[in-house]
Amino acid sequence: MKRIISLLAVLAVAAAAVGGAGTASAETRASNVDIVQTAVAAGQFTTLASLLQKAGLVDTLATGGPFTVFAPTDAAFAKVPKATLDALAADPAKLKAVLLYHVVPGRVTAADVVKLTSAKTAEGRSLAIKVVNGSVFVDAAQVTTPDVGATNGVIHVIDSVLIPQEATATASKTIVQTAVAAGSFKTLASLLKKAGLVGTLQGKGPFTVFAPTDAAFAKVPKATLASLAKNKAKLRSVLLYHVVKGNVPAAKVVMLRSAKTLNGKAVSIRVNGGNVLVGGARVTTADVKASNGVIHVVNKVLIP
C-alpha cells in the first residue's frame, strides 16, 4: 500500500481525467499513468485499491496489460454486506478471483463494449453485457463513467461490485434463516409462518426470493395486511408471488422481461434509469446468497 500512497502526489492529471471522462477518447485521457495510478488518483476507489493490494494484484494491473477494468467505486463497495467483504479479505484466493472478474484482457473501449453480449474475464468466467435505454450494464452493474484511459488499458466505472456466485463461500443459512438474521424482514418472516411456507423456503430449492423489507410492508394499508393474515390461501398466493423457482442472480434478472413465480403468475421485470424494477418494486440490494437460493431485496410488497 505504501507504493500506492506514494503515487498520489504526482497524479493530479489522472484525477482530472477521471473527473472529465464523459466525452474525451480513452486514448487521450490519463495517457501518462497506469490503471492503478489512475484509480488511486481519482479518490473514489480506495476500497478497490486496498483489496488489490491484499490480493497481490497491484503489480499486475500496474505493469501488465493492456487490460479493461470495470471498476466499482467506494459507494459500490459500501453496498456489499460487511460479512461478505470480511470473508473475501480473509481469503486471498477468493478475493483475487472476485477482483479478476472485473478485468477483461485487452483494451475494450465503450464503443466496443456496446457491441458485445458478454466478455470473458481474467478470472475465467464471462460477464453478461446489455444495453438498456442507452445505459450499459455489466452483469447487474451500470457503467456510470466509460473510457477512463490509462497507459496500459482503460477503466469503465461501475456502480456495483461484480461477485460471481461460485467465487464466494457457500452460504450456510437457508433463505428464511438469512432473512431472519438480517433483522429487517420481521414482517415477512411472520407472514411466512402464518402461511405455512417456512418449511418450503427452507427446503432444497433453489429459490429466488424478491424480499420486501419491514419498511416495504409498512407501506401496505393495515386493513390489507389484516385481511391477508386472516386468509391463509390469499396470503400464500401473495407471498409465493415473490418467489421464482431456481437460482436467478441479478446478472440474469436484468436480461429478463418477466419471470414465472410459484404463485403461477408471471411478474414483470424492467430496467429503468439504472434501477431494476420487479412488478413495480425496486431492487435495493441484489444477490444476497443463501444455501438454497438467492434473495433480492425490494422496496415494495408485490400484490397480484
C-alpha atoms as a PDB file:
ATOM      1  CA  MET A   1       0.000   0.000   0.000  1.00  0.00           C
ATOM      2  CA  LYS A   2       2.987   2.336   0.561  1.00  0.00           C
ATOM      3  CA  ARG A   3       3.649   2.184  -3.164  1.00  0.00           C
ATOM      4  CA  ILE A   4       0.083   3.223  -3.961  1.00  0.00           C
ATOM      5  CA  ILE A   5       0.046   6.105  -1.479  1.00  0.00           C
ATOM      6  CA  SER A   6       3.352   7.451  -2.774  1.00  0.00           C
ATOM      7  CA  LEU A   7       1.838   7.941  -6.217  1.00  0.00           C
ATOM      8  CA  LEU A   8      -0.786  10.448  -5.113  1.00  0.00           C
ATOM      9  CA  ALA A   9       1.451  13.498  -5.196  1.00  0.00           C
ATOM     10  CA  VAL A  10       2.202  13.159  -8.918  1.00  0.00           C
ATOM     11  CA  LEU A  11      -1.173  12.121 -10.252  1.00  0.00           C
ATOM     12  CA  ALA A  12      -3.320  15.245 -10.401  1.00  0.00           C
ATOM     13  CA  VAL A  13      -3.610  14.822 -14.148  1.00  0.00           C
ATOM     14  CA  ALA A  14      -5.196  11.405 -13.713  1.00  0.00           C
ATOM     15  CA  ALA A  15      -7.705  12.715 -11.207  1.00  0.00           C
ATOM     16  CA  ALA A  16      -8.721  15.416 -13.645  1.00  0.00           C
ATOM     17  CA  ALA A  17      -9.042  12.817 -16.363  1.00  0.00           C
ATOM     18  CA  VAL A  18     -11.497  10.706 -14.375  1.00  0.00           C
ATOM     19  CA  GLY A  19     -13.492  13.755 -13.428  1.00  0.00           C
ATOM     20  CA  GLY A  20     -13.934  14.681 -17.074  1.00  0.00           C
ATOM     21  CA  ALA A  21     -14.341  11.241 -18.508  1.00  0.00           C
ATOM     22  CA  GLY A  22     -17.688  11.826 -20.134  1.00  0.00           C
ATOM     23  CA  THR A  23     -16.632  12.908 -23.590  1.00  0.00           C
ATOM     24  CA  ALA A  24     -12.946  12.511 -24.414  1.00  0.00           C
ATOM     25  CA  SER A  25     -11.490   9.471 -26.109  1.00  0.00           C
ATOM     26  CA  ALA A  26      -9.977   6.757 -23.923  1.00  0.00           C
ATOM     27  CA  GLU A  27      -6.747   7.173 -25.905  1.00  0.00           C
ATOM     28  CA  THR A  28      -6.407  10.865 -24.991  1.00  0.00           C
ATOM     29  CA  ARG A  29      -7.131  10.743 -21.257  1.00  0.00           C
ATOM     30  CA  ALA A  30      -4.712   9.795 -18.436  1.00  0.00           C
ATOM     31  CA  SER A  31      -2.152   8.743 -21.043  1.00  0.00           C
ATOM     32  CA  ASN A  32       0.836   9.075 -18.683  1.00  0.00           C
ATOM     33  CA  VAL A  33      -0.291   6.858 -15.809  1.00  0.00           C
ATOM     34  CA  ASP A  34      -1.229   3.208 -15.450  1.00  0.00           C
ATOM     35  CA  ILE A  35      -4.560   1.706 -14.373  1.00  0.00           C
ATOM     36  CA  VAL A  36      -3.715   1.508 -10.656  1.00  0.00           C
ATOM     37  CA  GLN A  37      -2.317   5.056 -10.563  1.00  0.00           C
ATOM     38  CA  THR A  38      -5.384   6.382 -12.355  1.00  0.00           C
ATOM     39  CA  ALA A  39      -7.753   4.659  -9.918  1.00  0.00           C
ATOM     40  CA  VAL A  40      -5.857   5.837  -6.827  1.00  0.00           C
ATOM     41  CA  ALA A  41      -5.648   9.424  -8.025  1.00  0.00           C
ATOM     42  CA  ALA A  42      -9.395   9.565  -8.647  1.00  0.00           C
ATOM     43  CA  GLY A  43     -10.021   9.311  -4.900  1.00  0.00           C
ATOM     44  CA  GLN A  44     -13.190   7.230  -5.214  1.00  0.00           C
ATOM     45  CA  PHE A  45     -11.579   3.782  -5.429  1.00  0.00           C
ATOM     46  CA  THR A  46      -9.856   3.485  -2.032  1.00  0.00           C
ATOM     47  CA  THR A  47     -11.567   0.169  -1.217  1.00  0.00           C
ATOM     48  CA  LEU A  48     -10.671  -1.274  -4.613  1.00  0.00           C
ATOM     49  CA  ALA A  49      -7.043  -0.164  -4.225  1.00  0.00           C
ATOM     50  CA  SER A  50      -6.845  -1.700  -0.762  1.00  0.00           C
ATOM     51  CA  LEU A  51      -8.285  -5.018  -1.934  1.00  0.00           C
ATOM     52  CA  LEU A  52      -5.973  -5.111  -4.962  1.00  0.00           C
ATOM     53  CA  GLN A  53      -3.086  -4.781  -2.524  1.00  0.00           C
ATOM     54  CA  LYS A  54      -4.415  -7.617  -0.321  1.00  0.00           C
ATOM     55  CA  ALA A  55      -4.857  -9.849  -3.375  1.00  0.00           C
ATOM     56  CA  GLY A  56      -1.377  -9.115  -4.721  1.00  0.00           C
ATOM     57  CA  LEU A  57      -2.712  -7.679  -7.981  1.00  0.00           C
ATOM     58  CA  VAL A  58      -1.243  -4.165  -7.868  1.00  0.00           C
ATOM     59  CA  ASP A  59       1.864  -5.005  -9.892  1.00  0.00           C
ATOM     60  CA  THR A  60      -0.169  -6.996 -12.413  1.00  0.00           C
ATOM     61  CA  LEU A  61      -2.540  -4.124 -13.150  1.00  0.00           C
ATOM     62  CA  ALA A  62       0.209  -1.507 -12.978  1.00  0.00           C
ATOM     63  CA  THR A  63       2.693  -3.114 -15.346  1.00  0.00           C
ATOM     64  CA  GLY A  64       0.845  -5.733 -17.402  1.00  0.00           C
ATOM     65  CA  GLY A  65      -1.847  -5.363 -19.970  1.00  0.00           C
ATOM     66  CA  PRO A  66      -3.463  -3.930 -21.776  1.00  0.00           C
ATOM     67  CA  PHE A  67      -6.488  -4.507 -19.545  1.00  0.00           C
ATOM     68  CA  THR A  68     -10.065  -3.309 -19.392  1.00  0.00           C
ATOM     69  CA  VAL A  69     -11.197  -2.832 -15.789  1.00  0.00           C
ATOM     70  CA  PHE A  70     -14.809  -2.438 -14.689  1.00  0.00           C
ATOM     71  CA  ALA A  71     -14.009  -0.523 -11.516  1.00  0.00           C
ATOM     72  CA  PRO A  72     -16.505  -0.324  -8.609  1.00  0.00           C
ATOM     73  CA  THR A  73     -16.413   2.915  -6.626  1.00  0.00           C
ATOM     74  CA  ASP A  74     -16.242   3.115  -2.845  1.00  0.00           C
ATOM     75  CA  ALA A  75     -20.003   3.707  -2.898  1.00  0.00           C
ATOM     76  CA  ALA A  76     -20.413   0.440  -4.830  1.00  0.00           C
ATOM     77  CA  PHE A  77     -18.383  -1.479  -2.248  1.00  0.00           C
ATOM     78  CA  ALA A  78     -20.491   0.108   0.508  1.00  0.00           C
ATOM     79  CA  LYS A  79     -23.494  -1.824  -0.859  1.00  0.00           C
ATOM     80  CA  VAL A  80     -21.786  -5.182  -0.265  1.00  0.00           C
ATOM     81  CA  PRO A  81     -22.632  -6.807   3.095  1.00  0.00           C
ATOM     82  CA  LYS A  82     -19.741  -6.343   5.535  1.00  0.00           C
ATOM     83  CA  ALA A  83     -19.687 -10.083   6.218  1.00  0.00           C
ATOM     84  CA  THR A  84     -19.084 -10.765   2.517  1.00  0.00           C
ATOM     85  CA  LEU A  85     -16.204  -8.277   2.299  1.00  0.00           C
ATOM     86  CA  ASP A  86     -14.657  -9.601   5.507  1.00  0.00           C
ATOM     87  CA  ALA A  87     -14.862 -13.179   4.189  1.00  0.00           C
ATOM     88  CA  LEU A  88     -13.199 -12.177   0.921  1.00  0.00           C
ATOM     89  CA  ALA A  89     -10.480 -10.171   2.659  1.00  0.00           C
ATOM     90  CA  ALA A  90      -9.693 -13.234   4.784  1.00  0.00           C
ATOM     91  CA  ASP A  91      -9.351 -15.496   1.742  1.00  0.00           C
ATOM     92  CA  PRO A  92      -6.773 -14.146  -0.771  1.00  0.00           C
ATOM     93  CA  ALA A  93      -7.615 -16.761  -3.407  1.00  0.00           C
ATOM     94  CA  LYS A  94     -11.334 -15.933  -3.453  1.00  0.00           C
ATOM     95  CA  LEU A  95     -10.612 -12.210  -3.237  1.00  0.00           C
ATOM     96  CA  LYS A  96      -8.299 -12.491  -6.227  1.00  0.00           C
ATOM     97  CA  ALA A  97     -10.975 -14.367  -8.179  1.00  0.00           C
ATOM     98  CA  VAL A  98     -13.580 -11.674  -7.485  1.00  0.00           C
ATOM     99  CA  LEU A  99     -11.235  -8.838  -8.458  1.00  0.00           C
ATOM    100  CA  LEU A 100     -10.121 -10.576 -11.656  1.00  0.00           C
ATOM    101  CA  TYR A 101     -13.821 -10.989 -12.525  1.00  0.00           C
ATOM    102  CA  HIS A 102     -13.741  -7.192 -13.037  1.00  0.00           C
ATOM    103  CA  VAL A 103     -10.848  -7.399 -15.510  1.00  0.00           C
ATOM    104  CA  VAL A 104     -11.054  -8.218 -19.216  1.00  0.00           C
ATOM    105  CA  PRO A 105      -7.797  -8.787 -21.127  1.00  0.00           C
ATOM    106  CA  GLY A 106      -7.221  -6.233 -23.867  1.00  0.00           C
ATOM    107  CA  ARG A 107      -8.314  -2.631 -24.354  1.00  0.00           C
ATOM    108  CA  VAL A 108     -12.085  -2.679 -24.810  1.00  0.00           C
ATOM    109  CA  THR A 109     -13.485   0.824 -25.182  1.00  0.00           C
ATOM    110  CA  ALA A 110     -17.126   1.759 -24.685  1.00  0.00           C
ATOM    111  CA  ALA A 111     -17.639   1.684 -28.452  1.00  0.00           C
ATOM    112  CA  ASP A 112     -16.572  -1.966 -28.379  1.00  0.00           C
ATOM    113  CA  VAL A 113     -18.469  -2.870 -25.188  1.00  0.00           C
ATOM    114  CA  VAL A 114     -21.862  -1.860 -26.577  1.00  0.00           C
ATOM    115  CA  LYS A 115     -21.400  -4.322 -29.447  1.00  0.00           C
ATOM    116  CA  LEU A 116     -20.913  -7.266 -27.078  1.00  0.00           C
ATOM    117  CA  THR A 117     -23.321  -9.523 -25.190  1.00  0.00           C
ATOM    118  CA  SER A 118     -20.583 -10.970 -22.994  1.00  0.00           C
ATOM    119  CA  ALA A 119     -16.867 -10.686 -22.290  1.00  0.00           C
ATOM    120  CA  LYS A 120     -14.508 -13.282 -20.854  1.00  0.00           C
ATOM    121  CA  THR A 121     -12.718 -12.023 -17.747  1.00  0.00           C
ATOM    122  CA  ALA A 122      -9.214 -12.670 -16.440  1.00  0.00           C
ATOM    123  CA  GLU A 123     -10.888 -14.801 -13.761  1.00  0.00           C
ATOM    124  CA  GLY A 124     -12.097 -17.215 -16.438  1.00  0.00           C
ATOM    125  CA  ARG A 125     -15.854 -16.637 -16.344  1.00  0.00           C
ATOM    126  CA  SER A 126     -17.761 -14.355 -18.685  1.00  0.00           C
ATOM    127  CA  LEU A 127     -19.594 -11.146 -17.817  1.00  0.00           C
ATOM    128  CA  ALA A 128     -23.024 -10.528 -19.300  1.00  0.00           C
ATOM    129  CA  ILE A 129     -23.305  -7.222 -21.153  1.00  0.00           C
ATOM    130  CA  LYS A 130     -26.540  -5.472 -22.080  1.00  0.00           C
ATOM    131  CA  VAL A 131     -27.562  -2.010 -23.262  1.00  0.00           C
ATOM    132  CA  VAL A 132     -30.887  -0.797 -21.853  1.00  0.00           C
ATOM    133  CA  ASN A 133     -32.287   2.604 -22.786  1.00  0.00           C
ATOM    134  CA  GLY A 134     -28.822   3.890 -23.571  1.00  0.00           C
ATOM    135  CA  SER A 135     -27.287   2.599 -20.332  1.00  0.00           C
ATOM    136  CA  VAL A 136     -24.677  -0.157 -20.358  1.00  0.00           C
ATOM    137  CA  PHE A 137     -24.978  -2.942 -17.786  1.00  0.00           C
ATOM    138  CA  VAL A 138     -22.227  -5.398 -16.978  1.00  0.00           C
ATOM    139  CA  ASP A 139     -23.951  -8.222 -15.097  1.00  0.00           C
ATOM    140  CA  ALA A 140     -26.185  -6.094 -12.842  1.00  0.00           C
ATOM    141  CA  ALA A 141     -23.805  -3.130 -12.548  1.00  0.00           C
ATOM    142  CA  GLN A 142     -24.348   0.035 -14.562  1.00  0.00           C
ATOM    143  CA  VAL A 143     -21.417   1.741 -16.254  1.00  0.00           C
ATOM    144  CA  THR A 144     -21.507   5.294 -14.893  1.00  0.00           C
ATOM    145  CA  THR A 145     -18.292   6.643 -16.472  1.00  0.00           C
ATOM    146  CA  PRO A 146     -16.817   4.944 -19.549  1.00  0.00           C
ATOM    147  CA  ASP A 147     -13.425   5.206 -21.239  1.00  0.00           C
ATOM    148  CA  VAL A 148     -11.118   6.449 -18.492  1.00  0.00           C
ATOM    149  CA  GLY A 149      -7.807   5.984 -20.270  1.00  0.00           C
ATOM    150  CA  ALA A 150      -4.520   4.696 -18.808  1.00  0.00           C
ATOM    151  CA  THR A 151      -1.152   3.766 -20.278  1.00  0.00           C
ATOM    152  CA  ASN A 152      -1.925   0.062 -20.063  1.00  0.00           C
ATOM    153  CA  GLY A 153      -5.652  -0.073 -20.666  1.00  0.00           C
ATOM    154  CA  VAL A 154      -8.984   1.533 -19.970  1.00  0.00           C
ATOM    155  CA  ILE A 155     -11.303   1.839 -16.963  1.00  0.00           C
ATOM    156  CA  HIS A 156     -15.102   1.815 -17.033  1.00  0.00           C
ATOM    157  CA  VAL A 157     -16.528   2.969 -13.692  1.00  0.00           C
ATOM    158  CA  ILE A 158     -19.472   0.881 -12.385  1.00  0.00           C
ATOM    159  CA  ASP A 159     -21.961   1.352  -9.557  1.00  0.00           C
ATOM    160  CA  SER A 160     -21.973  -2.197  -8.118  1.00  0.00           C
ATOM    161  CA  VAL A 161     -19.422  -4.852  -7.252  1.00  0.00           C
ATOM    162  CA  LEU A 162     -19.432  -7.908  -9.519  1.00  0.00           C
ATOM    163  CA  ILE A 163     -19.314 -11.091  -7.470  1.00  0.00           C
ATOM    164  CA  PRO A 164     -19.586 -14.408  -9.315  1.00  0.00           C
ATOM    165  CA  GLN A 165     -21.552 -16.716  -7.046  1.00  0.00           C
ATOM    166  CA  GLU A 166     -19.120 -19.585  -7.427  1.00  0.00           C
ATOM    167  CA  ALA A 167     -16.236 -17.395  -6.278  1.00  0.00           C
ATOM    168  CA  THR A 168     -17.641 -16.772  -2.819  1.00  0.00           C
ATOM    169  CA  ALA A 169     -18.025 -19.127   0.078  1.00  0.00           C
ATOM    170  CA  THR A 170     -21.154 -21.236   0.105  1.00  0.00           C
ATOM    171  CA  ALA A 171     -23.739 -19.677   2.385  1.00  0.00           C
ATOM    172  CA  SER A 172     -24.616 -21.809   5.390  1.00  0.00           C
ATOM    173  CA  LYS A 173     -28.077 -20.374   6.105  1.00  0.00           C
ATOM    174  CA  THR A 174     -31.288 -21.030   4.215  1.00  0.00           C
ATOM    175  CA  ILE A 175     -33.331 -18.233   2.683  1.00  0.00           C
ATOM    176  CA  VAL A 176     -35.576 -17.998   5.758  1.00  0.00           C
ATOM    177  CA  GLN A 177     -32.634 -18.099   8.171  1.00  0.00           C
ATOM    178  CA  THR A 178     -30.800 -15.436   6.162  1.00  0.00           C
ATOM    179  CA  ALA A 179     -33.859 -13.155   6.184  1.00  0.00           C
ATOM    180  CA  VAL A 180     -34.388 -13.591   9.928  1.00  0.00           C
ATOM    181  CA  ALA A 181     -30.710 -12.953  10.682  1.00  0.00           C
ATOM    182  CA  ALA A 182     -30.768  -9.720   8.671  1.00  0.00           C
ATOM    183  CA  GLY A 183     -33.262  -8.220  11.133  1.00  0.00           C
ATOM    184  CA  SER A 184     -35.125  -6.155   8.545  1.00  0.00           C
ATOM    185  CA  PHE A 185     -37.602  -8.827   7.415  1.00  0.00           C
ATOM    186  CA  LYS A 186     -39.581  -9.472  10.609  1.00  0.00           C
ATOM    187  CA  THR A 187     -42.959  -8.930   8.929  1.00  0.00           C
ATOM    188  CA  LEU A 188     -42.057 -11.225   6.043  1.00  0.00           C
ATOM    189  CA  ALA A 189     -40.843 -13.937   8.423  1.00  0.00           C
ATOM    190  CA  SER A 190     -44.034 -13.679  10.475  1.00  0.00           C
ATOM    191  CA  LEU A 191     -46.276 -13.917   7.408  1.00  0.00           C
ATOM    192  CA  LEU A 192     -44.328 -16.870   6.011  1.00  0.00           C
ATOM    193  CA  LYS A 193     -45.011 -18.657   9.270  1.00  0.00           C
ATOM    194  CA  LYS A 194     -48.736 -17.821   9.152  1.00  0.00           C
ATOM    195  CA  ALA A 195     -48.917 -19.071   5.562  1.00  0.00           C
ATOM    196  CA  GLY A 196     -47.113 -22.302   6.359  1.00  0.00           C
ATOM    197  CA  LEU A 197     -44.317 -21.536   3.909  1.00  0.00           C
ATOM    198  CA  VAL A 198     -41.300 -21.603   6.223  1.00  0.00           C
ATOM    199  CA  GLY A 199     -40.707 -25.291   5.556  1.00  0.00           C
ATOM    200  CA  THR A 200     -40.965 -24.739   1.795  1.00  0.00           C
ATOM    201  CA  LEU A 201     -38.392 -21.935   1.698  1.00  0.00           C
ATOM    202  CA  GLN A 202     -36.072 -23.870   3.963  1.00  0.00           C
ATOM    203  CA  GLY A 203     -36.228 -26.790   1.526  1.00  0.00           C
ATOM    204  CA  LYS A 204     -33.679 -27.786  -1.074  1.00  0.00           C
ATOM    205  CA  GLY A 205     -34.826 -25.330  -3.735  1.00  0.00           C
ATOM    206  CA  PRO A 206     -33.110 -23.463  -5.165  1.00  0.00           C
ATOM    207  CA  PHE A 207     -35.374 -20.428  -4.965  1.00  0.00           C
ATOM    208  CA  THR A 208     -35.058 -16.760  -5.870  1.00  0.00           C
ATOM    209  CA  VAL A 209     -36.941 -14.507  -3.463  1.00  0.00           C
ATOM    210  CA  PHE A 210     -37.759 -10.847  -4.033  1.00  0.00           C
ATOM    211  CA  ALA A 211     -37.953  -9.971  -0.353  1.00  0.00           C
ATOM    212  CA  PRO A 212     -39.807  -6.870   0.886  1.00  0.00           C
ATOM    213  CA  THR A 213     -38.306  -5.257   3.971  1.00  0.00           C
ATOM    214  CA  ASP A 214     -40.286  -4.248   7.056  1.00  0.00           C
ATOM    215  CA  ALA A 215     -40.295  -0.704   5.634  1.00  0.00           C
ATOM    216  CA  ALA A 216     -41.881  -2.071   2.449  1.00  0.00           C
ATOM    217  CA  PHE A 217     -44.626  -3.837   4.398  1.00  0.00           C
ATOM    218  CA  ALA A 218     -45.220  -0.622   6.374  1.00  0.00           C
ATOM    219  CA  LYS A 219     -46.396   0.971   3.101  1.00  0.00           C
ATOM    220  CA  VAL A 220     -49.221  -1.570   2.765  1.00  0.00           C
ATOM    221  CA  PRO A 221     -52.545  -0.453   4.312  1.00  0.00           C
ATOM    222  CA  LYS A 222     -53.113  -2.159   7.681  1.00  0.00           C
ATOM    223  CA  ALA A 223     -56.535  -3.332   6.539  1.00  0.00           C
ATOM    224  CA  THR A 224     -54.954  -5.146   3.584  1.00  0.00           C
ATOM    225  CA  LEU A 225     -52.376  -6.870   5.765  1.00  0.00           C
ATOM    226  CA  ALA A 226     -55.011  -7.809   8.330  1.00  0.00           C
ATOM    227  CA  SER A 227     -57.201  -9.284   5.597  1.00  0.00           C
ATOM    228  CA  LEU A 228     -54.323 -11.342   4.210  1.00  0.00           C
ATOM    229  CA  ALA A 229     -53.323 -12.567   7.649  1.00  0.00           C
ATOM    230  CA  LYS A 230     -56.853 -13.954   8.120  1.00  0.00           C
ATOM    231  CA  ASN A 231     -56.967 -15.701   4.750  1.00  0.00           C
ATOM    232  CA  LYS A 232     -54.214 -18.298   4.527  1.00  0.00           C
ATOM    233  CA  ALA A 233     -54.853 -19.117   0.858  1.00  0.00           C
ATOM    234  CA  LYS A 234     -54.614 -15.485  -0.262  1.00  0.00           C
ATOM    235  CA  LEU A 235     -51.620 -14.885   1.969  1.00  0.00           C
ATOM    236  CA  ARG A 236     -49.814 -17.864   0.436  1.00  0.00           C
ATOM    237  CA  SER A 237     -50.684 -16.593  -3.031  1.00  0.00           C
ATOM    238  CA  VAL A 238     -49.211 -13.151  -2.332  1.00  0.00           C
ATOM    239  CA  LEU A 239     -46.047 -14.500  -0.704  1.00  0.00           C
ATOM    240  CA  LEU A 240     -45.433 -17.031  -3.478  1.00  0.00           C
ATOM    241  CA  TYR A 241     -45.732 -14.169  -5.976  1.00  0.00           C
ATOM    242  CA  HIS A 242     -42.372 -13.055  -4.546  1.00  0.00           C
ATOM    243  CA  VAL A 243     -40.701 -16.411  -5.241  1.00  0.00           C
ATOM    244  CA  VAL A 244     -39.216 -17.701  -8.507  1.00  0.00           C
ATOM    245  CA  LYS A 245     -38.043 -21.267  -8.959  1.00  0.00           C
ATOM    246  CA  GLY A 246     -34.313 -21.642  -9.490  1.00  0.00           C
ATOM    247  CA  ASN A 247     -31.281 -19.548  -8.646  1.00  0.00           C
ATOM    248  CA  VAL A 248     -31.592 -16.319 -10.662  1.00  0.00           C
ATOM    249  CA  PRO A 249     -28.754 -13.884  -9.882  1.00  0.00           C
ATOM    250  CA  ALA A 250     -29.001 -10.197 -10.744  1.00  0.00           C
ATOM    251  CA  ALA A 251     -26.933 -10.715 -13.895  1.00  0.00           C
ATOM    252  CA  LYS A 252     -29.735 -12.901 -15.263  1.00  0.00           C
ATOM    253  CA  VAL A 253     -32.592 -10.829 -13.825  1.00  0.00           C
ATOM    254  CA  VAL A 254     -31.631  -7.790 -15.921  1.00  0.00           C
ATOM    255  CA  MET A 255     -31.835  -9.938 -19.045  1.00  0.00           C
ATOM    256  CA  LEU A 256     -35.475 -10.881 -18.403  1.00  0.00           C
ATOM    257  CA  ARG A 257     -38.755  -9.143 -19.131  1.00  0.00           C
ATOM    258  CA  SER A 258     -40.723 -11.350 -16.783  1.00  0.00           C
ATOM    259  CA  ALA A 259     -40.364 -14.398 -14.551  1.00  0.00           C
ATOM    260  CA  LYS A 260     -42.917 -17.016 -13.604  1.00  0.00           C
ATOM    261  CA  THR A 261     -43.479 -17.130  -9.860  1.00  0.00           C
ATOM    262  CA  LEU A 262     -44.523 -20.010  -7.612  1.00  0.00           C
ATOM    263  CA  ASN A 263     -47.871 -18.251  -7.409  1.00  0.00           C
ATOM    264  CA  GLY A 264     -48.384 -19.319 -11.031  1.00  0.00           C
ATOM    265  CA  LYS A 265     -48.452 -15.781 -12.388  1.00  0.00           C
ATOM    266  CA  ALA A 266     -45.539 -14.008 -14.054  1.00  0.00           C
ATOM    267  CA  VAL A 267     -44.010 -10.895 -12.509  1.00  0.00           C
ATOM    268  CA  SER A 268     -42.777  -8.171 -14.868  1.00  0.00           C
ATOM    269  CA  ILE A 269     -39.131  -7.109 -14.901  1.00  0.00           C
ATOM    270  CA  ARG A 270     -37.637  -3.994 -16.432  1.00  0.00           C
ATOM    271  CA  VAL A 271     -34.622  -1.739 -16.090  1.00  0.00           C
ATOM    272  CA  ASN A 272     -35.303   1.988 -15.848  1.00  0.00           C
ATOM    273  CA  GLY A 273     -32.734   4.689 -15.225  1.00  0.00           C
ATOM    274  CA  GLY A 274     -30.273   2.217 -13.770  1.00  0.00           C
ATOM    275  CA  ASN A 275     -32.867   0.681 -11.435  1.00  0.00           C
ATOM    276  CA  VAL A 276     -34.154  -2.879 -11.699  1.00  0.00           C
ATOM    277  CA  LEU A 277     -37.925  -2.955 -11.217  1.00  0.00           C
ATOM    278  CA  VAL A 278     -39.764  -6.165 -10.412  1.00  0.00           C
ATOM    279  CA  GLY A 279     -43.519  -5.784 -10.577  1.00  0.00           C
ATOM    280  CA  GLY A 280     -43.114  -2.086  -9.785  1.00  0.00           C
ATOM    281  CA  ALA A 281     -40.825  -2.703  -6.801  1.00  0.00           C
ATOM    282  CA  ARG A 282     -37.231  -1.523  -6.959  1.00  0.00           C
ATOM    283  CA  VAL A 283     -34.426  -3.932  -6.166  1.00  0.00           C
ATOM    284  CA  THR A 284     -32.372  -2.161  -3.494  1.00  0.00           C
ATOM    285  CA  THR A 285     -29.911  -4.958  -2.694  1.00  0.00           C
ATOM    286  CA  ALA A 286     -29.168  -7.800  -5.094  1.00  0.00           C
ATOM    287  CA  ASP A 287     -27.610 -11.246  -4.792  1.00  0.00           C
ATOM    288  CA  VAL A 288     -27.881 -11.955  -1.073  1.00  0.00           C
ATOM    289  CA  LYS A 289     -26.776 -15.568  -1.066  1.00  0.00           C
ATOM    290  CA  ALA A 290     -28.396 -18.380   0.875  1.00  0.00           C
ATOM    291  CA  SER A 291     -27.664 -22.093   0.958  1.00  0.00           C
ATOM    292  CA  ASN A 292     -30.803 -22.842  -1.067  1.00  0.00           C
ATOM    293  CA  GLY A 293     -31.026 -19.840  -3.352  1.00  0.00           C
ATOM    294  CA  VAL A 294     -30.669 -16.101  -3.562  1.00  0.00           C
ATOM    295  CA  ILE A 295     -32.506 -13.056  -2.185  1.00  0.00           C
ATOM    296  CA  HIS A 296     -33.030  -9.745  -3.954  1.00  0.00           C
ATOM    297  CA  VAL A 297     -34.302  -7.108  -1.529  1.00  0.00           C
ATOM    298  CA  VAL A 298     -37.187  -4.963  -2.822  1.00  0.00           C
ATOM    299  CA  ASN A 299     -38.744  -1.748  -1.516  1.00  0.00           C
ATOM    300  CA  LYS A 300     -42.396  -2.673  -2.101  1.00  0.00           C
ATOM    301  CA  VAL A 301     -44.682  -5.614  -1.487  1.00  0.00           C
ATOM    302  CA  LEU A 302     -45.786  -7.332  -4.698  1.00  0.00           C
ATOM    303  CA  ILE A 303     -49.536  -7.935  -4.606  1.00  0.00           C
ATOM    304  CA  PRO A 304     -51.004  -9.534  -7.761  1.00  0.00           C
END
